[in-house]
Amino acid sequence: MTFTGNEHYLGKMEIMLYCSLIYSIESLNVYDCSVCSLPICDQLVFRVNENYFHSSCLNCSECHMQLLDKCYTQNGSVYCKEDFFK
């Protein structure tokens, strides 16, 4: 990615406002992703224990495979089935 110096960084409040344009304010719960710390504006919000994730940020701590179906946790880390039972 090349930056020209004319890029505009969207701050958290601007992203939340953008999210509220997409979703009705009554049904909008904006959570911060536990991995990238950005607000989650997706239709699907992944929650593991008390942590929230974008679908693209929820990955196995060992093999880094994206976790879309099941995940396992231990000591605050998230794992796929194969790495959890190693």
C-alpha atoms as a PDB file:
ATOM      1  CA  MET A   1       0.000   0.000   0.000  1.00  0.00           C
ATOM      2  CA  THR A   2       1.352   3.402  -0.939  1.00  0.00           C
ATOM      3  CA  PHE A   3       0.468   6.512   1.024  1.00  0.00           C
ATOM      4  CA  THR A   4       0.344   9.876  -0.693  1.00  0.00           C
ATOM      5  CA  GLY A   5      -0.008  11.934   2.467  1.00  0.00           C
ATOM      6  CA  ASN A   6      -3.585  12.887   1.590  1.00  0.00           C
ATOM      7  CA  GLU A   7      -5.173   9.931   3.367  1.00  0.00           C
ATOM      8  CA  HIS A   8      -7.688  10.593   6.095  1.00  0.00           C
ATOM      9  CA  TYR A   9      -7.572   8.372   9.174  1.00  0.00           C
ATOM     10  CA  LEU A  10     -11.021   7.535  10.418  1.00  0.00           C
ATOM     11  CA  GLY A  11     -11.096   7.967  14.163  1.00  0.00           C
ATOM     12  CA  LYS A  12     -13.182   5.753  16.403  1.00  0.00           C
ATOM     13  CA  MET A  13     -16.024   8.282  16.604  1.00  0.00           C
ATOM     14  CA  GLU A  14     -16.136   8.628  12.808  1.00  0.00           C
ATOM     15  CA  ILE A  15     -16.278   4.856  12.406  1.00  0.00           C
ATOM     16  CA  MET A  16     -19.082   4.659  14.960  1.00  0.00           C
ATOM     17  CA  LEU A  17     -20.981   7.337  13.049  1.00  0.00           C
ATOM     18  CA  TYR A  18     -20.408   5.406   9.835  1.00  0.00           C
ATOM     19  CA  CYS A  19     -21.710   2.270  11.538  1.00  0.00           C
ATOM     20  CA  SER A  20     -24.806   4.085  12.719  1.00  0.00           C
ATOM     21  CA  LEU A  21     -25.530   5.090   9.129  1.00  0.00           C
ATOM     22  CA  ILE A  22     -25.516   1.434   8.137  1.00  0.00           C
ATOM     23  CA  TYR A  23     -27.473   0.065  11.084  1.00  0.00           C
ATOM     24  CA  SER A  24     -30.343   1.610  12.933  1.00  0.00           C
ATOM     25  CA  ILE A  25     -29.233   3.246  16.157  1.00  0.00           C
ATOM     26  CA  GLU A  26     -31.707   1.202  18.191  1.00  0.00           C
ATOM     27  CA  SER A  27     -30.126  -2.094  17.193  1.00  0.00           C
ATOM     28  CA  LEU A  28     -26.521  -0.865  17.085  1.00  0.00           C
ATOM     29  CA  ASN A  29     -24.130  -2.248  19.669  1.00  0.00           C
ATOM     30  CA  VAL A  30     -20.616  -1.267  18.738  1.00  0.00           C
ATOM     31  CA  TYR A  31     -17.935  -3.421  20.292  1.00  0.00           C
ATOM     32  CA  ASP A  32     -14.203  -2.979  19.926  1.00  0.00           C
ATOM     33  CA  CYS A  33     -12.346  -5.940  18.459  1.00  0.00           C
ATOM     34  CA  SER A  34     -10.018  -7.607  20.980  1.00  0.00           C
ATOM     35  CA  VAL A  35      -7.328  -8.059  18.308  1.00  0.00           C
ATOM     36  CA  CYS A  36      -7.231  -4.862  16.231  1.00  0.00           C
ATOM     37  CA  SER A  37      -9.107  -2.561  18.684  1.00  0.00           C
ATOM     38  CA  LEU A  38     -11.283  -1.152  15.879  1.00  0.00           C
ATOM     39  CA  PRO A  39     -15.071  -0.956  16.253  1.00  0.00           C
ATOM     40  CA  ILE A  40     -16.944  -3.944  14.843  1.00  0.00           C
ATOM     41  CA  CYS A  41     -19.546  -2.815  12.295  1.00  0.00           C
ATOM     42  CA  ASP A  42     -20.097  -6.265  10.785  1.00  0.00           C
ATOM     43  CA  GLN A  43     -23.430  -8.044  10.859  1.00  0.00           C
ATOM     44  CA  LEU A  44     -21.740 -10.887  12.726  1.00  0.00           C
ATOM     45  CA  VAL A  45     -19.887 -10.168  15.937  1.00  0.00           C
ATOM     46  CA  PHE A  46     -17.845 -13.066  17.274  1.00  0.00           C
ATOM     47  CA  ARG A  47     -17.762 -13.295  21.060  1.00  0.00           C
ATOM     48  CA  VAL A  48     -15.374 -15.624  22.868  1.00  0.00           C
ATOM     49  CA  ASN A  49     -15.692 -15.425  26.643  1.00  0.00           C
ATOM     50  CA  GLU A  50     -15.732 -11.668  27.289  1.00  0.00           C
ATOM     51  CA  ASN A  51     -13.861 -10.717  24.093  1.00  0.00           C
ATOM     52  CA  TYR A  52     -15.329  -9.535  20.786  1.00  0.00           C
ATOM     53  CA  PHE A  53     -13.764 -10.098  17.356  1.00  0.00           C
ATOM     54  CA  HIS A  54     -14.179  -9.226  13.687  1.00  0.00           C
ATOM     55  CA  SER A  55     -14.591 -12.462  11.738  1.00  0.00           C
ATOM     56  CA  SER A  56     -11.247 -11.812  10.039  1.00  0.00           C
ATOM     57  CA  CYS A  57      -9.478 -11.236  13.386  1.00  0.00           C
ATOM     58  CA  LEU A  58     -10.574 -14.443  15.119  1.00  0.00           C
ATOM     59  CA  ASN A  59      -7.656 -16.759  14.395  1.00  0.00           C
ATOM     60  CA  CYS A  60      -5.977 -19.688  16.114  1.00  0.00           C
ATOM     61  CA  SER A  61      -3.137 -18.501  18.342  1.00  0.00           C
ATOM     62  CA  GLU A  62      -0.949 -21.383  17.168  1.00  0.00           C
ATOM     63  CA  CYS A  63      -1.522 -21.972  13.429  1.00  0.00           C
ATOM     64  CA  HIS A  64      -3.306 -18.627  12.687  1.00  0.00           C
ATOM     65  CA  MET A  65      -6.145 -20.368  10.834  1.00  0.00           C
ATOM     66  CA  GLN A  66      -9.324 -18.290  10.709  1.00  0.00           C
ATOM     67  CA  LEU A  67     -11.930 -19.655  13.129  1.00  0.00           C
ATOM     68  CA  LEU A  68     -15.450 -19.452  11.755  1.00  0.00           C
ATOM     69  CA  ASP A  69     -17.112 -22.495  13.284  1.00  0.00           C
ATOM     70  CA  LYS A  70     -15.651 -23.575  16.610  1.00  0.00           C
ATOM     71  CA  CYS A  71     -12.841 -22.417  18.814  1.00  0.00           C
ATOM     72  CA  TYR A  72     -11.320 -23.438  22.103  1.00  0.00           C
ATOM     73  CA  THR A  73      -9.773 -21.210  24.755  1.00  0.00           C
ATOM     74  CA  GLN A  74      -7.112 -21.680  27.362  1.00  0.00           C
ATOM     75  CA  ASN A  75      -5.320 -19.031  29.430  1.00  0.00           C
ATOM     76  CA  GLY A  76      -6.804 -16.226  27.330  1.00  0.00           C
ATOM     77  CA  SER A  77      -5.654 -17.661  23.993  1.00  0.00           C
ATOM     78  CA  VAL A  78      -7.951 -18.962  21.251  1.00  0.00           C
ATOM     79  CA  TYR A  79      -7.204 -22.214  19.393  1.00  0.00           C
ATOM     80  CA  CYS A  80      -8.589 -24.429  16.652  1.00  0.00           C
ATOM     81  CA  LYS A  81      -9.520 -27.966  17.700  1.00  0.00           C
ATOM     82  CA  GLU A  82      -6.330 -29.518  16.365  1.00  0.00           C
ATOM     83  CA  ASP A  83      -3.979 -27.153  18.208  1.00  0.00           C
ATOM     84  CA  PHE A  84      -6.006 -27.168  21.408  1.00  0.00           C
ATOM     85  CA  PHE A  85      -5.777 -30.939  21.754  1.00  0.00           C
ATOM     86  CA  LYS A  86      -2.067 -31.226  20.849  1.00  0.00           C
END
